[in-house]
Amino acid sequence: MKFIRTTLAFLLVAGLAPQLATAQKIKLVKGDIKAFAGIDTLNTEFTYDNLEVGKEGNEENYIERKKAEYNKKEAGKGDAWAKAWKDDRAFRYEPKFNELFTKHFEHPAGSYKRAKYTLVVHTSFIEPGFNVGITRKSAKIDTQIWLVETAGDHKEAIVKFTVEDAPGGDAMGFDFDSGLRISEAYAITGKALAKYINKKI
């Protein structure tokens, strides 16, 4: 029995690895990355305007459908899920991005309102993925990220990137919660972008 469990765990991880190894695509859209040289602290700001989710398209449509499905199964469960969906931004996604970007940029990134520069992270698309044990699909996110002066109106980017198809999931396959899968996609985005910038400056 122990051998069977070990074998199943190995197969699950082996099947999951290619999905998480899928390379995110980083593109420099505007500016010179050397603008990051000399920056020791970055303020970060996250936006989700006009967010699209999976095949649903409009995020609000997705929330309403999932909320209705969960409430049908258990009264109030859908309302709790909808609250958690939005709360995960501040409590899970954004801290993960900040943590991994900070680690690999090697300078602090987070809520530093007095920093000269701000990194605006706009999420345009989220694929929540799923995990039902036997089969699963990793989360993915698309973001547009731009460097602006904190004191400005944030409408004019000094440097602008797009980061697409950043995958997210638990390497051991225990990501039954969509919030965990998505937060890992933000971690990968932060890590990949920081390494990309460091390589260029």
C-alpha atoms as a PDB file:
ATOM      1  CA  MET A   1       0.000   0.000   0.000  1.00  0.00           C
ATOM      2  CA  LYS A   2       2.856   2.385   0.864  1.00  0.00           C
ATOM      3  CA  PHE A   3       4.490   1.587  -2.489  1.00  0.00           C
ATOM      4  CA  ILE A   4       1.234   2.354  -4.322  1.00  0.00           C
ATOM      5  CA  ARG A   5       0.834   5.701  -2.533  1.00  0.00           C
ATOM      6  CA  THR A   6       4.451   6.624  -3.292  1.00  0.00           C
ATOM      7  CA  THR A   7       4.042   5.665  -6.937  1.00  0.00           C
ATOM      8  CA  LEU A   8       0.840   7.677  -7.293  1.00  0.00           C
ATOM      9  CA  ALA A   9       2.493  10.703  -5.671  1.00  0.00           C
ATOM     10  CA  PHE A  10       5.438  10.422  -8.061  1.00  0.00           C
ATOM     11  CA  LEU A  11       3.172  10.174 -11.086  1.00  0.00           C
ATOM     12  CA  LEU A  12       1.163  13.183  -9.926  1.00  0.00           C
ATOM     13  CA  VAL A  13       4.282  15.322  -9.512  1.00  0.00           C
ATOM     14  CA  ALA A  14       5.719  14.083 -12.804  1.00  0.00           C
ATOM     15  CA  GLY A  15       2.506  15.000 -14.569  1.00  0.00           C
ATOM     16  CA  LEU A  16       2.364  18.392 -12.909  1.00  0.00           C
ATOM     17  CA  ALA A  17       5.980  19.378 -13.523  1.00  0.00           C
ATOM     18  CA  PRO A  18       5.627  20.120 -17.267  1.00  0.00           C
ATOM     19  CA  GLN A  19       2.703  22.459 -16.562  1.00  0.00           C
ATOM     20  CA  LEU A  20       4.642  24.455 -13.975  1.00  0.00           C
ATOM     21  CA  ALA A  21       7.737  24.471 -16.153  1.00  0.00           C
ATOM     22  CA  THR A  22       5.867  26.272 -18.925  1.00  0.00           C
ATOM     23  CA  ALA A  23       7.827  29.440 -19.502  1.00  0.00           C
ATOM     24  CA  GLN A  24       6.102  32.753 -18.941  1.00  0.00           C
ATOM     25  CA  LYS A  25       6.709  35.276 -21.686  1.00  0.00           C
ATOM     26  CA  ILE A  26       8.246  38.619 -20.654  1.00  0.00           C
ATOM     27  CA  LYS A  27       8.311  41.446 -23.177  1.00  0.00           C
ATOM     28  CA  LEU A  28       9.806  44.905 -22.816  1.00  0.00           C
ATOM     29  CA  VAL A  29       7.177  47.173 -24.342  1.00  0.00           C
ATOM     30  CA  LYS A  30       8.641  50.586 -23.565  1.00  0.00           C
ATOM     31  CA  GLY A  31      11.701  52.250 -22.074  1.00  0.00           C
ATOM     32  CA  ASP A  32      15.172  51.208 -20.979  1.00  0.00           C
ATOM     33  CA  ILE A  33      15.585  48.593 -18.240  1.00  0.00           C
ATOM     34  CA  LYS A  34      18.693  50.437 -17.069  1.00  0.00           C
ATOM     35  CA  ALA A  35      16.241  52.843 -15.399  1.00  0.00           C
ATOM     36  CA  PHE A  36      16.118  50.230 -12.594  1.00  0.00           C
ATOM     37  CA  ALA A  37      19.846  50.640 -11.921  1.00  0.00           C
ATOM     38  CA  GLY A  38      20.361  52.439  -8.635  1.00  0.00           C
ATOM     39  CA  ILE A  39      16.789  51.851  -7.380  1.00  0.00           C
ATOM     40  CA  ASP A  40      17.062  50.445  -3.858  1.00  0.00           C
ATOM     41  CA  THR A  41      13.391  50.484  -2.802  1.00  0.00           C
ATOM     42  CA  LEU A  42      10.233  50.134  -4.884  1.00  0.00           C
ATOM     43  CA  ASN A  43       6.669  50.921  -3.952  1.00  0.00           C
ATOM     44  CA  THR A  44       4.201  48.477  -5.534  1.00  0.00           C
ATOM     45  CA  GLU A  45       0.629  49.062  -6.600  1.00  0.00           C
ATOM     46  CA  PHE A  46      -1.793  46.444  -7.954  1.00  0.00           C
ATOM     47  CA  THR A  47      -4.771  47.056 -10.231  1.00  0.00           C
ATOM     48  CA  TYR A  48      -7.427  44.710 -11.599  1.00  0.00           C
ATOM     49  CA  ASP A  49      -9.560  46.918 -13.845  1.00  0.00           C
ATOM     50  CA  ASN A  50     -11.378  45.103 -16.673  1.00  0.00           C
ATOM     51  CA  LEU A  51     -10.077  41.761 -15.428  1.00  0.00           C
ATOM     52  CA  GLU A  52     -11.049  38.700 -17.461  1.00  0.00           C
ATOM     53  CA  VAL A  53     -11.274  35.255 -15.868  1.00  0.00           C
ATOM     54  CA  GLY A  54     -10.933  31.969 -17.753  1.00  0.00           C
ATOM     55  CA  LYS A  55     -13.430  31.285 -20.501  1.00  0.00           C
ATOM     56  CA  GLU A  56     -15.995  33.360 -18.627  1.00  0.00           C
ATOM     57  CA  GLY A  57     -14.544  36.650 -19.794  1.00  0.00           C
ATOM     58  CA  ASN A  58     -15.815  39.363 -17.446  1.00  0.00           C
ATOM     59  CA  GLU A  59     -14.745  38.763 -13.839  1.00  0.00           C
ATOM     60  CA  GLU A  60     -18.110  39.738 -12.384  1.00  0.00           C
ATOM     61  CA  ASN A  61     -19.854  37.127 -14.525  1.00  0.00           C
ATOM     62  CA  TYR A  62     -17.439  34.516 -13.214  1.00  0.00           C
ATOM     63  CA  ILE A  63     -18.029  35.554  -9.604  1.00  0.00           C
ATOM     64  CA  GLU A  64     -21.818  35.489  -9.973  1.00  0.00           C
ATOM     65  CA  ARG A  65     -21.797  32.042 -11.571  1.00  0.00           C
ATOM     66  CA  LYS A  66     -19.473  30.489  -8.999  1.00  0.00           C
ATOM     67  CA  LYS A  67     -21.311  32.153  -6.110  1.00  0.00           C
ATOM     68  CA  ALA A  68     -24.644  30.774  -7.327  1.00  0.00           C
ATOM     69  CA  GLU A  69     -23.164  27.269  -7.746  1.00  0.00           C
ATOM     70  CA  TYR A  70     -21.729  27.222  -4.226  1.00  0.00           C
ATOM     71  CA  ASN A  71     -24.841  28.728  -2.610  1.00  0.00           C
ATOM     72  CA  LYS A  72     -26.968  26.065  -4.308  1.00  0.00           C
ATOM     73  CA  LYS A  73     -24.878  23.381  -2.622  1.00  0.00           C
ATOM     74  CA  GLU A  74     -24.797  25.109   0.760  1.00  0.00           C
ATOM     75  CA  ALA A  75     -26.449  28.357   1.818  1.00  0.00           C
ATOM     76  CA  GLY A  76     -23.886  31.110   2.341  1.00  0.00           C
ATOM     77  CA  LYS A  77     -20.969  29.135   0.922  1.00  0.00           C
ATOM     78  CA  GLY A  78     -21.049  31.103  -2.319  1.00  0.00           C
ATOM     79  CA  ASP A  79     -21.047  34.449  -0.517  1.00  0.00           C
ATOM     80  CA  ALA A  80     -18.030  33.360   1.530  1.00  0.00           C
ATOM     81  CA  TRP A  81     -16.276  32.191  -1.627  1.00  0.00           C
ATOM     82  CA  ALA A  82     -16.936  35.508  -3.410  1.00  0.00           C
ATOM     83  CA  LYS A  83     -15.483  37.464  -0.477  1.00  0.00           C
ATOM     84  CA  ALA A  84     -12.400  35.230  -0.383  1.00  0.00           C
ATOM     85  CA  TRP A  85     -11.931  35.626  -4.146  1.00  0.00           C
ATOM     86  CA  LYS A  86     -11.510  39.388  -3.742  1.00  0.00           C
ATOM     87  CA  ASP A  87      -9.683  39.223  -0.392  1.00  0.00           C
ATOM     88  CA  ASP A  88      -7.034  36.922  -1.861  1.00  0.00           C
ATOM     89  CA  ARG A  89      -5.643  39.868  -3.815  1.00  0.00           C
ATOM     90  CA  ALA A  90      -4.358  41.754  -0.781  1.00  0.00           C
ATOM     91  CA  PHE A  91      -3.748  38.749   1.457  1.00  0.00           C
ATOM     92  CA  ARG A  92      -2.195  36.247  -0.953  1.00  0.00           C
ATOM     93  CA  TYR A  93      -1.417  37.422  -4.494  1.00  0.00           C
ATOM     94  CA  GLU A  94       0.226  40.765  -3.798  1.00  0.00           C
ATOM     95  CA  PRO A  95       2.404  39.575  -0.873  1.00  0.00           C
ATOM     96  CA  LYS A  96       3.631  36.654  -3.012  1.00  0.00           C
ATOM     97  CA  PHE A  97       4.648  38.964  -5.840  1.00  0.00           C
ATOM     98  CA  ASN A  98       6.383  41.350  -3.439  1.00  0.00           C
ATOM     99  CA  GLU A  99       8.179  38.541  -1.620  1.00  0.00           C
ATOM    100  CA  LEU A 100       9.629  36.902  -4.735  1.00  0.00           C
ATOM    101  CA  PHE A 101      10.393  40.160  -6.543  1.00  0.00           C
ATOM    102  CA  THR A 102      12.224  41.444  -3.451  1.00  0.00           C
ATOM    103  CA  LYS A 103      14.197  38.223  -3.097  1.00  0.00           C
ATOM    104  CA  HIS A 104      15.445  38.209  -6.687  1.00  0.00           C
ATOM    105  CA  PHE A 105      15.737  41.966  -7.303  1.00  0.00           C
ATOM    106  CA  GLU A 106      17.623  42.046  -3.993  1.00  0.00           C
ATOM    107  CA  HIS A 107      15.998  45.314  -2.931  1.00  0.00           C
ATOM    108  CA  PRO A 108      12.736  45.858  -1.017  1.00  0.00           C
ATOM    109  CA  ALA A 109       9.455  45.994  -2.955  1.00  0.00           C
ATOM    110  CA  GLY A 110       6.104  46.531  -1.277  1.00  0.00           C
ATOM    111  CA  SER A 111       4.149  49.276   0.433  1.00  0.00           C
ATOM    112  CA  TYR A 112       6.766  52.026   0.454  1.00  0.00           C
ATOM    113  CA  LYS A 113       4.777  55.162  -0.297  1.00  0.00           C
ATOM    114  CA  ARG A 114       7.818  57.417   0.123  1.00  0.00           C
ATOM    115  CA  ALA A 115       9.877  55.528  -2.464  1.00  0.00           C
ATOM    116  CA  LYS A 116      10.708  57.586  -5.545  1.00  0.00           C
ATOM    117  CA  TYR A 117       9.446  54.897  -7.918  1.00  0.00           C
ATOM    118  CA  THR A 118       6.394  52.643  -8.023  1.00  0.00           C
ATOM    119  CA  LEU A 119       5.968  49.364  -9.845  1.00  0.00           C
ATOM    120  CA  VAL A 120       2.354  49.144 -11.027  1.00  0.00           C
ATOM    121  CA  VAL A 121       1.185  45.568 -11.568  1.00  0.00           C
ATOM    122  CA  HIS A 122      -2.010  45.382 -13.589  1.00  0.00           C
ATOM    123  CA  THR A 123      -3.642  41.959 -13.929  1.00  0.00           C
ATOM    124  CA  SER A 124      -5.592  41.626 -17.161  1.00  0.00           C
ATOM    125  CA  PHE A 125      -6.323  37.874 -17.146  1.00  0.00           C
ATOM    126  CA  ILE A 126      -6.569  35.030 -14.643  1.00  0.00           C
ATOM    127  CA  GLU A 127      -7.068  31.366 -15.433  1.00  0.00           C
ATOM    128  CA  PRO A 128      -7.974  29.875 -12.021  1.00  0.00           C
ATOM    129  CA  GLY A 129      -7.244  26.296 -13.058  1.00  0.00           C
ATOM    130  CA  PHE A 130      -8.632  23.367 -11.075  1.00  0.00           C
ATOM    131  CA  ASN A 131      -7.609  20.326  -9.052  1.00  0.00           C
ATOM    132  CA  VAL A 132     -10.041  17.458  -8.534  1.00  0.00           C
ATOM    133  CA  GLY A 133      -7.417  14.929  -7.495  1.00  0.00           C
ATOM    134  CA  ILE A 134      -7.399  12.722 -10.565  1.00  0.00           C
ATOM    135  CA  THR A 135      -6.907  15.594 -12.961  1.00  0.00           C
ATOM    136  CA  ARG A 136      -5.819  19.186 -12.619  1.00  0.00           C
ATOM    137  CA  LYS A 137      -4.987  22.365 -14.506  1.00  0.00           C
ATOM    138  CA  SER A 138      -2.497  25.001 -13.365  1.00  0.00           C
ATOM    139  CA  ALA A 139      -3.525  28.606 -12.877  1.00  0.00           C
ATOM    140  CA  LYS A 140      -2.142  31.267 -15.224  1.00  0.00           C
ATOM    141  CA  ILE A 141      -2.064  35.038 -15.163  1.00  0.00           C
ATOM    142  CA  ASP A 142      -1.283  37.825 -17.634  1.00  0.00           C
ATOM    143  CA  THR A 143      -0.010  41.152 -16.325  1.00  0.00           C
ATOM    144  CA  GLN A 144       1.140  44.510 -17.589  1.00  0.00           C
ATOM    145  CA  ILE A 145       3.797  45.985 -15.324  1.00  0.00           C
ATOM    146  CA  TRP A 146       5.179  49.480 -15.513  1.00  0.00           C
ATOM    147  CA  LEU A 147       7.642  51.630 -13.636  1.00  0.00           C
ATOM    148  CA  VAL A 148       6.387  55.117 -12.772  1.00  0.00           C
ATOM    149  CA  GLU A 149       7.337  57.978 -10.493  1.00  0.00           C
ATOM    150  CA  THR A 150       5.424  57.603  -7.241  1.00  0.00           C
ATOM    151  CA  ALA A 151       4.659  61.318  -7.082  1.00  0.00           C
ATOM    152  CA  GLY A 152       3.206  61.362 -10.609  1.00  0.00           C
ATOM    153  CA  ASP A 153      -0.228  60.417 -11.899  1.00  0.00           C
ATOM    154  CA  HIS A 154       0.961  56.934 -12.942  1.00  0.00           C
ATOM    155  CA  LYS A 155      -0.343  57.449 -16.473  1.00  0.00           C
ATOM    156  CA  GLU A 156       3.070  57.703 -18.094  1.00  0.00           C
ATOM    157  CA  ALA A 157       5.364  54.688 -17.759  1.00  0.00           C
ATOM    158  CA  ILE A 158       9.145  55.033 -17.664  1.00  0.00           C
ATOM    159  CA  VAL A 159       9.481  51.322 -18.416  1.00  0.00           C
ATOM    160  CA  LYS A 160       6.680  48.950 -19.356  1.00  0.00           C
ATOM    161  CA  PHE A 161       6.551  45.161 -19.564  1.00  0.00           C
ATOM    162  CA  THR A 162       4.003  42.484 -20.319  1.00  0.00           C
ATOM    163  CA  VAL A 163       4.292  39.134 -18.544  1.00  0.00           C
ATOM    164  CA  GLU A 164       2.017  36.479 -20.032  1.00  0.00           C
ATOM    165  CA  ASP A 165       1.172  32.860 -19.222  1.00  0.00           C
ATOM    166  CA  ALA A 166       2.789  32.850 -15.779  1.00  0.00           C
ATOM    167  CA  PRO A 167       1.766  29.433 -14.383  1.00  0.00           C
ATOM    168  CA  GLY A 168       0.827  28.725 -10.799  1.00  0.00           C
ATOM    169  CA  GLY A 169       0.381  25.569  -8.762  1.00  0.00           C
ATOM    170  CA  ASP A 170       1.813  23.465  -5.973  1.00  0.00           C
ATOM    171  CA  ALA A 171       4.611  21.202  -7.224  1.00  0.00           C
ATOM    172  CA  MET A 172       3.327  18.393  -5.004  1.00  0.00           C
ATOM    173  CA  GLY A 173      -0.187  18.697  -6.380  1.00  0.00           C
ATOM    174  CA  PHE A 174      -1.903  19.804  -3.172  1.00  0.00           C
ATOM    175  CA  ASP A 175      -3.329  23.008  -4.645  1.00  0.00           C
ATOM    176  CA  PHE A 176      -7.033  22.240  -4.354  1.00  0.00           C
ATOM    177  CA  ASP A 177      -7.714  25.896  -3.514  1.00  0.00           C
ATOM    178  CA  SER A 178      -7.706  28.287  -6.483  1.00  0.00           C
ATOM    179  CA  GLY A 179      -6.236  31.028  -4.300  1.00  0.00           C
ATOM    180  CA  LEU A 180      -3.117  28.951  -3.724  1.00  0.00           C
ATOM    181  CA  ARG A 181      -2.685  28.208  -7.424  1.00  0.00           C
ATOM    182  CA  ILE A 182      -3.148  31.839  -8.412  1.00  0.00           C
ATOM    183  CA  SER A 183      -0.860  33.166  -5.671  1.00  0.00           C
ATOM    184  CA  GLU A 184       1.911  30.937  -7.001  1.00  0.00           C
ATOM    185  CA  ALA A 185       1.430  32.492 -10.453  1.00  0.00           C
ATOM    186  CA  TYR A 186       2.073  35.897  -8.850  1.00  0.00           C
ATOM    187  CA  ALA A 187       5.165  34.478  -7.156  1.00  0.00           C
ATOM    188  CA  ILE A 188       6.485  33.242 -10.501  1.00  0.00           C
ATOM    189  CA  THR A 189       5.704  36.608 -12.119  1.00  0.00           C
ATOM    190  CA  GLY A 190       7.628  38.503  -9.434  1.00  0.00           C
ATOM    191  CA  LYS A 191      10.579  36.134  -9.555  1.00  0.00           C
ATOM    192  CA  ALA A 192      10.792  36.009 -13.358  1.00  0.00           C
ATOM    193  CA  LEU A 193      10.520  39.785 -13.773  1.00  0.00           C
ATOM    194  CA  ALA A 194      13.169  40.517 -11.126  1.00  0.00           C
ATOM    195  CA  LYS A 195      15.594  38.043 -12.702  1.00  0.00           C
ATOM    196  CA  TYR A 196      14.898  39.495 -16.152  1.00  0.00           C
ATOM    197  CA  ILE A 197      15.635  43.033 -14.932  1.00  0.00           C
ATOM    198  CA  ASN A 198      18.796  41.995 -13.093  1.00  0.00           C
ATOM    199  CA  LYS A 199      20.083  40.249 -16.189  1.00  0.00           C
ATOM    200  CA  LYS A 200      19.661  43.399 -18.279  1.00  0.00           C
ATOM    201  CA  ILE A 201      21.018  46.111 -15.980  1.00  0.00           C
END
